[in-house]
Amino acid sequence: IDQGYLSLPPEKIAKKYLIEYIEPNLFLGGKTRMIYEYILNETGSTSIVHKYRTSTEIGFSKFQIKKVICLNESGSNPLVIRFLKNLGYCQKQYNYYDYMNAFEKIFLFQNSEFKHSWL
């Protein structure tokens, strides 16, 4: 935690670090939380199910790891570009580093009341 945030209440600190949607400009490559979810689901690595508290707000999510693709399984070059096939509105590309980052970045999700949980 940055020194300047230490005197703030915990919920304000959380707003600085936990965000509802990962903004594309926050991470190299411009990936959103949804893109990271698509990467993990399309590779067959995870099953992610969101349960909504309201029609628009996620209350909790279930996350199941089915497999983790090792670098030697994906090819020798981690920078090889792959494309998401099941993403209808645009064709997003990713590489092995995006795949590995996805396992961390999707857990940055938080709802507006800071009560989101993972099962």
N, C-alpha and C. Protein backbone atom coordinates (compact mmCIF):
# COMPACT_ATOMS: atom_id res chain seq x y z
N ILE A 1 0.86 -1.17 0.00
CA ILE A 1 0.00 0.00 0.00
C ILE A 1 0.90 1.23 0.00
N ASP A 2 0.54 2.19 -0.84
CA ASP A 2 1.29 3.44 -0.87
C ASP A 2 1.18 4.15 0.47
N GLN A 3 2.25 4.79 0.89
CA GLN A 3 2.30 5.48 2.18
C GLN A 3 1.18 6.52 2.32
N GLY A 4 0.82 7.18 1.25
CA GLY A 4 -0.22 8.20 1.29
C GLY A 4 -1.60 7.67 1.61
N TYR A 5 -1.82 6.37 1.45
CA TYR A 5 -3.13 5.77 1.69
C TYR A 5 -3.27 5.19 3.09
N LEU A 6 -2.20 5.10 3.84
CA LEU A 6 -2.23 4.42 5.14
C LEU A 6 -3.20 5.05 6.13
N SER A 7 -3.43 6.34 6.03
CA SER A 7 -4.33 7.01 6.98
C SER A 7 -5.80 6.95 6.54
N LEU A 8 -6.07 6.46 5.35
CA LEU A 8 -7.44 6.39 4.85
C LEU A 8 -8.18 5.20 5.45
N PRO A 9 -9.53 5.29 5.52
CA PRO A 9 -10.32 4.13 5.96
C PRO A 9 -10.16 2.98 4.96
N PRO A 10 -10.29 1.74 5.42
CA PRO A 10 -10.07 0.58 4.55
C PRO A 10 -10.89 0.58 3.26
N GLU A 11 -12.15 1.04 3.32
CA GLU A 11 -12.97 1.03 2.10
C GLU A 11 -12.45 1.99 1.04
N LYS A 12 -11.83 3.09 1.46
CA LYS A 12 -11.25 4.02 0.49
C LYS A 12 -9.96 3.45 -0.10
N ILE A 13 -9.19 2.76 0.72
CA ILE A 13 -7.99 2.09 0.21
C ILE A 13 -8.39 1.02 -0.80
N ALA A 14 -9.44 0.27 -0.48
CA ALA A 14 -9.92 -0.78 -1.38
C ALA A 14 -10.32 -0.20 -2.73
N LYS A 15 -10.96 0.97 -2.73
CA LYS A 15 -11.37 1.59 -3.99
C LYS A 15 -10.17 1.94 -4.87
N LYS A 16 -9.02 2.15 -4.24
CA LYS A 16 -7.82 2.46 -5.02
C LYS A 16 -7.24 1.21 -5.68
N TYR A 17 -7.46 0.04 -5.07
CA TYR A 17 -6.82 -1.19 -5.55
C TYR A 17 -7.79 -2.20 -6.13
N LEU A 18 -9.01 -2.26 -5.64
CA LEU A 18 -9.99 -3.22 -6.13
C LEU A 18 -11.00 -2.46 -6.97
N ILE A 19 -11.17 -2.87 -8.19
CA ILE A 19 -12.02 -2.15 -9.11
C ILE A 19 -13.03 -3.09 -9.73
N GLU A 20 -14.18 -2.55 -10.08
CA GLU A 20 -15.23 -3.40 -10.62
C GLU A 20 -14.82 -4.02 -11.95
N TYR A 21 -14.28 -3.22 -12.83
CA TYR A 21 -13.81 -3.73 -14.11
C TYR A 21 -12.40 -3.23 -14.32
N ILE A 22 -11.55 -4.10 -14.77
CA ILE A 22 -10.18 -3.70 -15.04
C ILE A 22 -10.20 -2.81 -16.28
N GLU A 23 -9.78 -1.58 -16.12
CA GLU A 23 -9.77 -0.65 -17.24
C GLU A 23 -8.65 -1.03 -18.20
N PRO A 24 -8.91 -0.97 -19.50
CA PRO A 24 -7.90 -1.39 -20.47
C PRO A 24 -6.56 -0.69 -20.34
N ASN A 25 -6.54 0.57 -19.94
CA ASN A 25 -5.27 1.28 -19.87
C ASN A 25 -4.48 0.98 -18.61
N LEU A 26 -5.02 0.20 -17.67
CA LEU A 26 -4.30 -0.09 -16.44
C LEU A 26 -3.23 -1.15 -16.62
N PHE A 27 -3.41 -2.03 -17.59
CA PHE A 27 -2.49 -3.15 -17.75
C PHE A 27 -1.97 -3.18 -19.18
N LEU A 28 -0.73 -3.55 -19.31
CA LEU A 28 -0.11 -3.65 -20.62
C LEU A 28 -0.94 -4.54 -21.53
N GLY A 29 -1.22 -4.07 -22.71
CA GLY A 29 -1.98 -4.87 -23.66
C GLY A 29 -3.45 -4.50 -23.73
N GLY A 30 -3.94 -3.69 -22.82
CA GLY A 30 -5.31 -3.21 -22.90
C GLY A 30 -6.37 -4.28 -22.72
N LYS A 31 -6.17 -5.24 -21.84
CA LYS A 31 -7.14 -6.30 -21.63
C LYS A 31 -8.12 -5.90 -20.52
N THR A 32 -9.38 -6.23 -20.70
CA THR A 32 -10.38 -6.01 -19.67
C THR A 32 -10.57 -7.29 -18.88
N ARG A 33 -11.30 -7.19 -17.78
CA ARG A 33 -11.61 -8.38 -16.99
C ARG A 33 -12.34 -9.41 -17.84
N MET A 34 -13.26 -8.96 -18.67
CA MET A 34 -14.01 -9.89 -19.53
C MET A 34 -13.09 -10.61 -20.51
N ILE A 35 -12.13 -9.91 -21.07
CA ILE A 35 -11.18 -10.55 -21.99
C ILE A 35 -10.38 -11.61 -21.25
N TYR A 36 -9.92 -11.28 -20.04
CA TYR A 36 -9.18 -12.28 -19.26
C TYR A 36 -10.04 -13.50 -18.97
N GLU A 37 -11.33 -13.30 -18.68
CA GLU A 37 -12.23 -14.43 -18.47
C GLU A 37 -12.36 -15.27 -19.74
N TYR A 38 -12.53 -14.60 -20.88
CA TYR A 38 -12.63 -15.33 -22.15
C TYR A 38 -11.37 -16.15 -22.43
N ILE A 39 -10.21 -15.58 -22.14
CA ILE A 39 -8.96 -16.32 -22.36
C ILE A 39 -8.96 -17.61 -21.55
N LEU A 40 -9.30 -17.51 -20.27
CA LEU A 40 -9.28 -18.69 -19.40
C LEU A 40 -10.36 -19.70 -19.78
N ASN A 41 -11.54 -19.21 -20.14
CA ASN A 41 -12.62 -20.13 -20.52
C ASN A 41 -12.36 -20.79 -21.87
N GLU A 42 -11.91 -20.01 -22.84
CA GLU A 42 -11.71 -20.56 -24.19
C GLU A 42 -10.56 -21.56 -24.24
N THR A 43 -9.59 -21.41 -23.38
CA THR A 43 -8.49 -22.38 -23.35
C THR A 43 -8.87 -23.62 -22.54
N GLY A 44 -10.07 -23.62 -21.97
CA GLY A 44 -10.51 -24.76 -21.17
C GLY A 44 -9.84 -24.83 -19.81
N SER A 45 -9.24 -23.73 -19.40
CA SER A 45 -8.50 -23.71 -18.14
C SER A 45 -9.37 -23.53 -16.92
N THR A 46 -10.49 -22.82 -17.08
CA THR A 46 -11.34 -22.54 -15.93
C THR A 46 -12.81 -22.62 -16.29
N SER A 47 -13.60 -22.64 -15.26
CA SER A 47 -15.04 -22.44 -15.36
C SER A 47 -15.37 -21.31 -14.40
N ILE A 48 -15.95 -20.24 -14.93
CA ILE A 48 -16.29 -19.08 -14.11
C ILE A 48 -17.78 -18.83 -14.25
N VAL A 49 -18.49 -18.80 -13.12
CA VAL A 49 -19.93 -18.55 -13.12
C VAL A 49 -20.20 -17.40 -12.16
N HIS A 50 -20.88 -16.37 -12.65
CA HIS A 50 -21.22 -15.22 -11.82
C HIS A 50 -22.67 -15.34 -11.37
N LYS A 51 -22.93 -15.06 -10.11
CA LYS A 51 -24.28 -15.01 -9.56
C LYS A 51 -24.58 -13.54 -9.26
N TYR A 52 -25.68 -13.06 -9.83
CA TYR A 52 -26.00 -11.64 -9.73
C TYR A 52 -26.87 -11.36 -8.51
N ARG A 53 -26.53 -10.29 -7.80
CA ARG A 53 -27.33 -9.81 -6.67
C ARG A 53 -28.50 -8.99 -7.19
N THR A 54 -28.25 -8.18 -8.20
CA THR A 54 -29.29 -7.43 -8.89
C THR A 54 -29.14 -7.76 -10.37
N SER A 55 -29.93 -7.13 -11.20
CA SER A 55 -29.85 -7.43 -12.63
C SER A 55 -28.52 -7.02 -13.26
N THR A 56 -27.81 -6.12 -12.61
CA THR A 56 -26.54 -5.65 -13.18
C THR A 56 -25.32 -5.85 -12.29
N GLU A 57 -25.53 -6.21 -11.03
CA GLU A 57 -24.40 -6.29 -10.10
C GLU A 57 -24.14 -7.73 -9.65
N ILE A 58 -22.89 -8.15 -9.81
CA ILE A 58 -22.49 -9.49 -9.42
C ILE A 58 -22.31 -9.55 -7.91
N GLY A 59 -22.95 -10.54 -7.28
CA GLY A 59 -22.83 -10.72 -5.83
C GLY A 59 -21.67 -11.61 -5.46
N PHE A 60 -21.54 -12.74 -6.18
CA PHE A 60 -20.40 -13.63 -5.96
C PHE A 60 -20.14 -14.42 -7.22
N SER A 61 -18.97 -15.03 -7.28
CA SER A 61 -18.57 -15.79 -8.47
C SER A 61 -17.98 -17.12 -8.04
N LYS A 62 -18.20 -18.12 -8.88
CA LYS A 62 -17.58 -19.43 -8.67
C LYS A 62 -16.45 -19.57 -9.68
N PHE A 63 -15.32 -20.02 -9.21
CA PHE A 63 -14.13 -20.14 -10.05
C PHE A 63 -13.56 -21.54 -9.86
N GLN A 64 -13.51 -22.29 -10.94
CA GLN A 64 -12.95 -23.65 -10.88
C GLN A 64 -11.80 -23.75 -11.87
N ILE A 65 -10.63 -24.14 -11.37
CA ILE A 65 -9.48 -24.35 -12.25
C ILE A 65 -9.55 -25.78 -12.77
N LYS A 66 -9.60 -25.91 -14.08
CA LYS A 66 -9.65 -27.23 -14.72
C LYS A 66 -8.26 -27.70 -15.14
N LYS A 67 -7.46 -26.75 -15.62
CA LYS A 67 -6.09 -27.07 -16.02
C LYS A 67 -5.30 -25.78 -16.13
N VAL A 68 -3.99 -25.90 -16.04
CA VAL A 68 -3.09 -24.78 -16.27
C VAL A 68 -2.16 -25.20 -17.40
N ILE A 69 -2.13 -24.40 -18.44
CA ILE A 69 -1.29 -24.70 -19.60
C ILE A 69 0.13 -24.21 -19.31
N CYS A 70 1.07 -25.12 -19.30
CA CYS A 70 2.48 -24.78 -19.09
C CYS A 70 3.07 -24.22 -20.38
N LEU A 71 4.14 -23.49 -20.26
CA LEU A 71 4.77 -22.88 -21.42
C LEU A 71 5.16 -23.93 -22.46
N ASN A 72 5.69 -25.05 -22.04
CA ASN A 72 6.10 -26.06 -23.03
C ASN A 72 4.90 -26.69 -23.74
N GLU A 73 3.70 -26.63 -23.14
CA GLU A 73 2.50 -27.13 -23.81
C GLU A 73 1.96 -26.13 -24.83
N SER A 74 2.21 -24.84 -24.58
CA SER A 74 1.67 -23.82 -25.47
C SER A 74 2.61 -23.51 -26.63
N GLY A 75 3.80 -24.02 -26.60
CA GLY A 75 4.80 -23.73 -27.62
C GLY A 75 6.02 -23.13 -26.96
N SER A 76 7.09 -23.05 -27.68
CA SER A 76 8.34 -22.59 -27.07
C SER A 76 8.42 -21.07 -26.92
N ASN A 77 7.63 -20.33 -27.69
CA ASN A 77 7.70 -18.87 -27.65
C ASN A 77 6.46 -18.31 -26.96
N PRO A 78 6.61 -17.70 -25.77
CA PRO A 78 5.44 -17.17 -25.06
C PRO A 78 4.83 -15.94 -25.72
N LEU A 79 5.51 -15.36 -26.70
CA LEU A 79 5.00 -14.16 -27.36
C LEU A 79 4.15 -14.46 -28.59
N VAL A 80 3.99 -15.73 -28.93
CA VAL A 80 3.16 -16.09 -30.09
C VAL A 80 1.75 -15.59 -29.85
N ILE A 81 1.20 -14.91 -30.85
CA ILE A 81 -0.14 -14.32 -30.75
C ILE A 81 -1.19 -15.37 -31.07
N ARG A 82 -2.22 -15.42 -30.22
CA ARG A 82 -3.39 -16.27 -30.44
C ARG A 82 -4.61 -15.36 -30.47
N PHE A 83 -5.69 -15.85 -31.06
CA PHE A 83 -6.91 -15.05 -31.16
C PHE A 83 -8.06 -15.73 -30.45
N LEU A 84 -8.87 -14.94 -29.76
CA LEU A 84 -10.07 -15.47 -29.13
C LEU A 84 -11.11 -15.71 -30.21
N LYS A 85 -11.63 -16.92 -30.28
CA LYS A 85 -12.57 -17.27 -31.34
C LYS A 85 -14.01 -16.96 -30.99
N ASN A 86 -14.38 -17.08 -29.73
CA ASN A 86 -15.77 -16.96 -29.32
C ASN A 86 -16.14 -15.57 -28.82
N LEU A 87 -15.40 -14.59 -29.20
CA LEU A 87 -15.66 -13.22 -28.78
C LEU A 87 -16.22 -12.48 -29.98
N GLY A 88 -17.55 -12.46 -30.11
CA GLY A 88 -18.21 -11.99 -31.31
C GLY A 88 -18.01 -10.54 -31.67
N TYR A 89 -17.96 -9.64 -30.69
CA TYR A 89 -17.97 -8.22 -31.01
C TYR A 89 -16.62 -7.70 -31.48
N CYS A 90 -15.56 -8.41 -31.25
CA CYS A 90 -14.25 -7.99 -31.75
C CYS A 90 -13.30 -9.18 -31.68
N GLN A 91 -12.24 -9.09 -32.41
CA GLN A 91 -11.27 -10.18 -32.40
C GLN A 91 -10.09 -9.74 -31.54
N LYS A 92 -9.99 -10.29 -30.35
CA LYS A 92 -8.91 -9.93 -29.44
C LYS A 92 -7.79 -10.94 -29.52
N GLN A 93 -6.59 -10.44 -29.47
CA GLN A 93 -5.42 -11.32 -29.48
C GLN A 93 -4.81 -11.38 -28.09
N TYR A 94 -4.11 -12.46 -27.83
CA TYR A 94 -3.43 -12.63 -26.56
C TYR A 94 -2.23 -13.54 -26.75
N ASN A 95 -1.34 -13.52 -25.77
CA ASN A 95 -0.19 -14.42 -25.79
C ASN A 95 -0.13 -15.16 -24.46
N TYR A 96 0.90 -15.95 -24.28
CA TYR A 96 1.01 -16.76 -23.07
C TYR A 96 1.08 -15.91 -21.80
N TYR A 97 1.74 -14.75 -21.88
CA TYR A 97 1.82 -13.88 -20.71
C TYR A 97 0.44 -13.35 -20.32
N ASP A 98 -0.40 -13.03 -21.31
CA ASP A 98 -1.77 -12.62 -21.02
C ASP A 98 -2.53 -13.75 -20.34
N TYR A 99 -2.30 -14.97 -20.83
CA TYR A 99 -2.94 -16.15 -20.23
C TYR A 99 -2.56 -16.28 -18.76
N MET A 100 -1.29 -16.17 -18.46
CA MET A 100 -0.84 -16.28 -17.07
C MET A 100 -1.34 -15.11 -16.22
N ASN A 101 -1.33 -13.90 -16.78
CA ASN A 101 -1.84 -12.73 -16.05
C ASN A 101 -3.32 -12.86 -15.73
N ALA A 102 -4.05 -13.54 -16.59
CA ALA A 102 -5.49 -13.69 -16.39
C ALA A 102 -5.82 -14.35 -15.06
N PHE A 103 -5.01 -15.30 -14.63
CA PHE A 103 -5.27 -15.98 -13.36
C PHE A 103 -5.21 -15.02 -12.17
N GLU A 104 -4.49 -13.93 -12.30
CA GLU A 104 -4.41 -12.94 -11.23
C GLU A 104 -5.40 -11.79 -11.45
N LYS A 105 -5.45 -11.26 -12.66
CA LYS A 105 -6.19 -10.04 -12.92
C LYS A 105 -7.69 -10.18 -12.70
N ILE A 106 -8.27 -11.35 -12.99
CA ILE A 106 -9.72 -11.47 -12.81
C ILE A 106 -10.12 -11.39 -11.35
N PHE A 107 -9.20 -11.68 -10.43
CA PHE A 107 -9.53 -11.60 -9.01
C PHE A 107 -9.52 -10.17 -8.48
N LEU A 108 -9.18 -9.20 -9.30
CA LEU A 108 -9.24 -7.80 -8.89
C LEU A 108 -10.66 -7.26 -8.91
N PHE A 109 -11.59 -8.05 -9.41
CA PHE A 109 -12.99 -7.63 -9.50
C PHE A 109 -13.56 -7.35 -8.11
N GLN A 110 -14.37 -6.30 -8.00
CA GLN A 110 -15.10 -6.01 -6.78
C GLN A 110 -16.37 -5.27 -7.15
N ASN A 111 -17.47 -5.56 -6.47
CA ASN A 111 -18.72 -4.85 -6.77
C ASN A 111 -18.76 -3.52 -6.02
N SER A 112 -19.83 -2.75 -6.24
CA SER A 112 -19.89 -1.39 -5.70
C SER A 112 -19.96 -1.35 -4.18
N GLU A 113 -20.41 -2.43 -3.55
CA GLU A 113 -20.51 -2.47 -2.09
C GLU A 113 -19.31 -3.17 -1.44
N PHE A 114 -18.34 -3.55 -2.23
CA PHE A 114 -17.15 -4.26 -1.75
C PHE A 114 -17.52 -5.53 -0.99
N LYS A 115 -18.52 -6.24 -1.53
CA LYS A 115 -18.97 -7.48 -0.89
C LYS A 115 -18.90 -8.66 -1.84
N HIS A 116 -18.18 -8.52 -2.93
CA HIS A 116 -18.05 -9.64 -3.86
C HIS A 116 -17.17 -10.71 -3.24
N SER A 117 -17.54 -11.97 -3.45
CA SER A 117 -16.71 -13.06 -2.95
C SER A 117 -16.56 -14.13 -4.02
N TRP A 118 -15.52 -14.93 -3.87
CA TRP A 118 -15.23 -16.02 -4.80
C TRP A 118 -15.41 -17.34 -4.08
N LEU A 119 -16.01 -18.30 -4.77
CA LEU A 119 -16.13 -19.65 -4.23
C LEU A 119 -15.24 -20.57 -5.02
